[in-house]
Amino acid sequence: MINKILVPIDLRDEHSWQCTFPIAVREARANAAELIVMTVYEPLGSRIPDLPLADEHNRKARLQTEDTLQSLVTEQLPTDLSPRMVVRESESIYKEILKTSRELPADLIIMAAHHPLLRDYLLGSNAAKVVRHADCSVFVVRD
């Protein structure tokens, strides 16, 4: 049974929600499941220690990310599903997706995948890492 569906998106990549939201809505309705939309942003200063003003910049970045996600969910998803929104700060997108999916716990992750570049074959994409390490089913959507 699917009770919670996690949909990680990249706010800078329209493809990440355009292809996943319709599937997420269908699955949430079919299973009467809770829909959780999440995004991850990288904090300033995470790679440069003791960067002046990093804390203030990160506070503003979090607020802007929350506002952008709220607007997107309001515009793109039906209100009858009452989607929950989660914003995480991390250097590692896939690790944060996995952590969030375990904390919920999610029964299904629906996420977009891009067409792999050469570096993805060497390092692995976020979707590939989530598929390999998730404790639940993962539905990877390609366009």
C-alpha atoms as a PDB file:
ATOM      1  CA  MET A   1       0.000   0.000   0.000  1.00  0.00           C
ATOM      2  CA  ILE A   2       1.230   3.472  -0.861  1.00  0.00           C
ATOM      3  CA  ASN A   3       0.561   6.049   1.870  1.00  0.00           C
ATOM      4  CA  LYS A   4       3.238   8.677   1.213  1.00  0.00           C
ATOM      5  CA  ILE A   5       4.682   9.740  -2.124  1.00  0.00           C
ATOM      6  CA  LEU A   6       7.842  11.838  -2.197  1.00  0.00           C
ATOM      7  CA  VAL A   7       8.441  13.959  -5.302  1.00  0.00           C
ATOM      8  CA  PRO A   8      11.887  15.597  -5.304  1.00  0.00           C
ATOM      9  CA  ILE A   9      12.202  18.433  -7.805  1.00  0.00           C
ATOM     10  CA  ASP A  10      14.808  20.924  -8.952  1.00  0.00           C
ATOM     11  CA  LEU A  11      13.271  24.393  -8.958  1.00  0.00           C
ATOM     12  CA  ARG A  12      15.710  25.442 -11.697  1.00  0.00           C
ATOM     13  CA  ASP A  13      14.670  22.583 -13.995  1.00  0.00           C
ATOM     14  CA  GLU A  14      11.094  22.755 -15.285  1.00  0.00           C
ATOM     15  CA  HIS A  15      11.377  19.190 -16.595  1.00  0.00           C
ATOM     16  CA  SER A  16      11.773  17.900 -13.035  1.00  0.00           C
ATOM     17  CA  TRP A  17       8.183  18.782 -12.158  1.00  0.00           C
ATOM     18  CA  GLN A  18       6.419  18.867 -15.518  1.00  0.00           C
ATOM     19  CA  CYS A  19       6.967  15.177 -16.079  1.00  0.00           C
ATOM     20  CA  THR A  20       6.588  14.014 -12.462  1.00  0.00           C
ATOM     21  CA  PHE A  21       3.601  15.985 -11.187  1.00  0.00           C
ATOM     22  CA  PRO A  22       0.983  14.323 -13.435  1.00  0.00           C
ATOM     23  CA  ILE A  23       2.186  10.857 -12.389  1.00  0.00           C
ATOM     24  CA  ALA A  24       2.381  11.868  -8.737  1.00  0.00           C
ATOM     25  CA  VAL A  25      -1.165  13.256  -8.814  1.00  0.00           C
ATOM     26  CA  ARG A  26      -2.475  10.079 -10.475  1.00  0.00           C
ATOM     27  CA  GLU A  27      -0.733   7.831  -7.929  1.00  0.00           C
ATOM     28  CA  ALA A  28      -1.741   9.963  -4.946  1.00  0.00           C
ATOM     29  CA  ARG A  29      -5.386   9.883  -5.982  1.00  0.00           C
ATOM     30  CA  ALA A  30      -5.371   6.177  -6.866  1.00  0.00           C
ATOM     31  CA  ASN A  31      -3.884   5.282  -3.479  1.00  0.00           C
ATOM     32  CA  ALA A  32      -5.390   8.066  -1.344  1.00  0.00           C
ATOM     33  CA  ALA A  33      -1.769   8.857  -0.493  1.00  0.00           C
ATOM     34  CA  GLU A  34      -0.152  11.960   0.934  1.00  0.00           C
ATOM     35  CA  LEU A  35       1.886  13.881  -1.610  1.00  0.00           C
ATOM     36  CA  ILE A  36       5.164  15.438  -0.438  1.00  0.00           C
ATOM     37  CA  VAL A  37       7.072  17.726  -2.805  1.00  0.00           C
ATOM     38  CA  MET A  38      10.655  18.456  -1.843  1.00  0.00           C
ATOM     39  CA  THR A  39      13.557  20.474  -3.132  1.00  0.00           C
ATOM     40  CA  VAL A  40      17.175  20.736  -2.056  1.00  0.00           C
ATOM     41  CA  TYR A  41      19.393  23.794  -2.298  1.00  0.00           C
ATOM     42  CA  GLU A  42      23.115  23.991  -1.665  1.00  0.00           C
ATOM     43  CA  PRO A  43      24.085  26.386   1.110  1.00  0.00           C
ATOM     44  CA  LEU A  44      26.580  29.145   0.455  1.00  0.00           C
ATOM     45  CA  GLY A  45      29.827  28.534   2.269  1.00  0.00           C
ATOM     46  CA  SER A  46      29.429  24.774   2.317  1.00  0.00           C
ATOM     47  CA  ARG A  47      32.560  24.407   0.230  1.00  0.00           C
ATOM     48  CA  ILE A  48      34.358  27.490   1.573  1.00  0.00           C
ATOM     49  CA  PRO A  49      34.572  27.466   5.383  1.00  0.00           C
ATOM     50  CA  ASP A  50      34.177  30.714   7.342  1.00  0.00           C
ATOM     51  CA  LEU A  51      32.731  32.628   4.411  1.00  0.00           C
ATOM     52  CA  PRO A  52      31.550  36.018   5.706  1.00  0.00           C
ATOM     53  CA  LEU A  53      27.785  36.614   5.551  1.00  0.00           C
ATOM     54  CA  ALA A  54      27.085  32.980   4.609  1.00  0.00           C
ATOM     55  CA  ASP A  55      24.504  32.570   7.379  1.00  0.00           C
ATOM     56  CA  GLU A  56      22.481  35.590   6.269  1.00  0.00           C
ATOM     57  CA  HIS A  57      22.703  34.550   2.623  1.00  0.00           C
ATOM     58  CA  ASN A  58      21.549  31.014   3.513  1.00  0.00           C
ATOM     59  CA  ARG A  59      18.619  32.341   5.536  1.00  0.00           C
ATOM     60  CA  LYS A  60      17.504  34.445   2.562  1.00  0.00           C
ATOM     61  CA  ALA A  61      18.095  31.557   0.150  1.00  0.00           C
ATOM     62  CA  ARG A  62      15.934  29.271   2.282  1.00  0.00           C
ATOM     63  CA  LEU A  63      13.088  31.811   2.411  1.00  0.00           C
ATOM     64  CA  GLN A  64      13.275  32.380  -1.338  1.00  0.00           C
ATOM     65  CA  THR A  65      13.347  28.622  -1.984  1.00  0.00           C
ATOM     66  CA  GLU A  66      10.318  28.091   0.277  1.00  0.00           C
ATOM     67  CA  ASP A  67       8.404  30.886  -1.493  1.00  0.00           C
ATOM     68  CA  THR A  68       9.274  29.566  -4.942  1.00  0.00           C
ATOM     69  CA  LEU A  69       8.264  26.030  -4.007  1.00  0.00           C
ATOM     70  CA  GLN A  70       4.989  27.257  -2.483  1.00  0.00           C
ATOM     71  CA  SER A  71       4.149  29.213  -5.638  1.00  0.00           C
ATOM     72  CA  LEU A  72       4.984  26.296  -7.898  1.00  0.00           C
ATOM     73  CA  VAL A  73       2.924  23.805  -5.894  1.00  0.00           C
ATOM     74  CA  THR A  74      -0.016  26.234  -5.740  1.00  0.00           C
ATOM     75  CA  GLU A  75       0.111  26.787  -9.517  1.00  0.00           C
ATOM     76  CA  GLN A  76       0.800  23.228 -10.640  1.00  0.00           C
ATOM     77  CA  LEU A  77      -0.919  20.848  -8.208  1.00  0.00           C
ATOM     78  CA  PRO A  78      -4.581  20.399  -7.330  1.00  0.00           C
ATOM     79  CA  THR A  79      -5.459  21.765  -3.896  1.00  0.00           C
ATOM     80  CA  ASP A  80      -7.613  18.746  -3.014  1.00  0.00           C
ATOM     81  CA  LEU A  81      -4.426  16.730  -2.473  1.00  0.00           C
ATOM     82  CA  SER A  82      -3.081  19.208   0.116  1.00  0.00           C
ATOM     83  CA  PRO A  83       0.523  18.565  -0.868  1.00  0.00           C
ATOM     84  CA  ARG A  84       3.143  19.001   1.827  1.00  0.00           C
ATOM     85  CA  MET A  85       6.325  20.878   0.969  1.00  0.00           C
ATOM     86  CA  VAL A  86       9.807  20.132   2.247  1.00  0.00           C
ATOM     87  CA  VAL A  87      12.875  22.307   1.690  1.00  0.00           C
ATOM     88  CA  ARG A  88      16.284  20.893   2.607  1.00  0.00           C
ATOM     89  CA  GLU A  89      19.731  22.415   2.631  1.00  0.00           C
ATOM     90  CA  SER A  90      22.542  20.088   1.618  1.00  0.00           C
ATOM     91  CA  GLU A  91      25.589  19.657  -0.576  1.00  0.00           C
ATOM     92  CA  SER A  92      24.329  16.226  -1.607  1.00  0.00           C
ATOM     93  CA  ILE A  93      20.957  16.093  -3.326  1.00  0.00           C
ATOM     94  CA  TYR A  94      20.602  12.326  -3.457  1.00  0.00           C
ATOM     95  CA  LYS A  95      21.618  11.885   0.200  1.00  0.00           C
ATOM     96  CA  GLU A  96      18.997  14.414   1.268  1.00  0.00           C
ATOM     97  CA  ILE A  97      16.318  12.702  -0.821  1.00  0.00           C
ATOM     98  CA  LEU A  98      17.186   9.357   0.769  1.00  0.00           C
ATOM     99  CA  LYS A  99      17.259  10.849   4.273  1.00  0.00           C
ATOM    100  CA  THR A 100      13.885  12.537   3.785  1.00  0.00           C
ATOM    101  CA  SER A 101      12.332   9.390   2.312  1.00  0.00           C
ATOM    102  CA  ARG A 102      13.418   7.432   5.395  1.00  0.00           C
ATOM    103  CA  GLU A 103      12.261  10.091   7.861  1.00  0.00           C
ATOM    104  CA  LEU A 104       8.733  10.267   6.414  1.00  0.00           C
ATOM    105  CA  PRO A 105       8.826   7.228   5.669  1.00  0.00           C
ATOM    106  CA  ALA A 106       7.922   7.356   1.981  1.00  0.00           C
ATOM    107  CA  ASP A 107       6.393   4.371   0.218  1.00  0.00           C
ATOM    108  CA  LEU A 108       7.210   5.690  -3.251  1.00  0.00           C
ATOM    109  CA  ILE A 109       9.616   8.239  -4.717  1.00  0.00           C
ATOM    110  CA  ILE A 110       8.712   9.739  -8.087  1.00  0.00           C
ATOM    111  CA  MET A 111      11.531  11.695  -9.680  1.00  0.00           C
ATOM    112  CA  ALA A 112      12.723  12.910 -13.041  1.00  0.00           C
ATOM    113  CA  ALA A 113      15.917  11.816 -14.710  1.00  0.00           C
ATOM    114  CA  HIS A 114      17.795  13.656 -17.364  1.00  0.00           C
ATOM    115  CA  HIS A 115      19.516  12.003 -20.269  1.00  0.00           C
ATOM    116  CA  PRO A 116      22.917  11.003 -18.960  1.00  0.00           C
ATOM    117  CA  LEU A 117      26.025  12.950 -19.785  1.00  0.00           C
ATOM    118  CA  LEU A 118      29.453  11.357 -19.850  1.00  0.00           C
ATOM    119  CA  ARG A 119      30.157  12.537 -16.300  1.00  0.00           C
ATOM    120  CA  ASP A 120      26.990  10.771 -15.123  1.00  0.00           C
ATOM    121  CA  TYR A 121      28.321   7.461 -16.363  1.00  0.00           C
ATOM    122  CA  LEU A 122      31.444   8.017 -14.302  1.00  0.00           C
ATOM    123  CA  LEU A 123      29.893   9.509 -11.169  1.00  0.00           C
ATOM    124  CA  GLY A 124      26.248   8.472 -11.392  1.00  0.00           C
ATOM    125  CA  SER A 125      23.209  10.733 -11.471  1.00  0.00           C
ATOM    126  CA  ASN A 126      21.084  11.602  -8.450  1.00  0.00           C
ATOM    127  CA  ALA A 127      18.271   9.404  -9.790  1.00  0.00           C
ATOM    128  CA  ALA A 128      20.601   6.434 -10.200  1.00  0.00           C
ATOM    129  CA  LYS A 129      21.924   6.828  -6.659  1.00  0.00           C
ATOM    130  CA  VAL A 130      18.415   7.133  -5.224  1.00  0.00           C
ATOM    131  CA  VAL A 131      17.311   4.001  -7.098  1.00  0.00           C
ATOM    132  CA  ARG A 132      20.292   2.040  -5.770  1.00  0.00           C
ATOM    133  CA  HIS A 133      19.954   3.096  -2.138  1.00  0.00           C
ATOM    134  CA  ALA A 134      16.268   3.825  -1.465  1.00  0.00           C
ATOM    135  CA  ASP A 135      14.306   1.739   1.020  1.00  0.00           C
ATOM    136  CA  CYS A 136      11.147   2.108  -1.065  1.00  0.00           C
ATOM    137  CA  SER A 137      10.119   1.872  -4.694  1.00  0.00           C
ATOM    138  CA  VAL A 138      11.392   4.576  -7.034  1.00  0.00           C
ATOM    139  CA  PHE A 139       9.572   5.626 -10.191  1.00  0.00           C
ATOM    140  CA  VAL A 140      12.052   7.370 -12.494  1.00  0.00           C
ATOM    141  CA  VAL A 141      10.426   9.477 -15.197  1.00  0.00           C
ATOM    142  CA  ARG A 142      12.138  10.337 -18.463  1.00  0.00           C
ATOM    143  CA  ASP A 143      10.657  12.613 -21.086  1.00  0.00           C
END
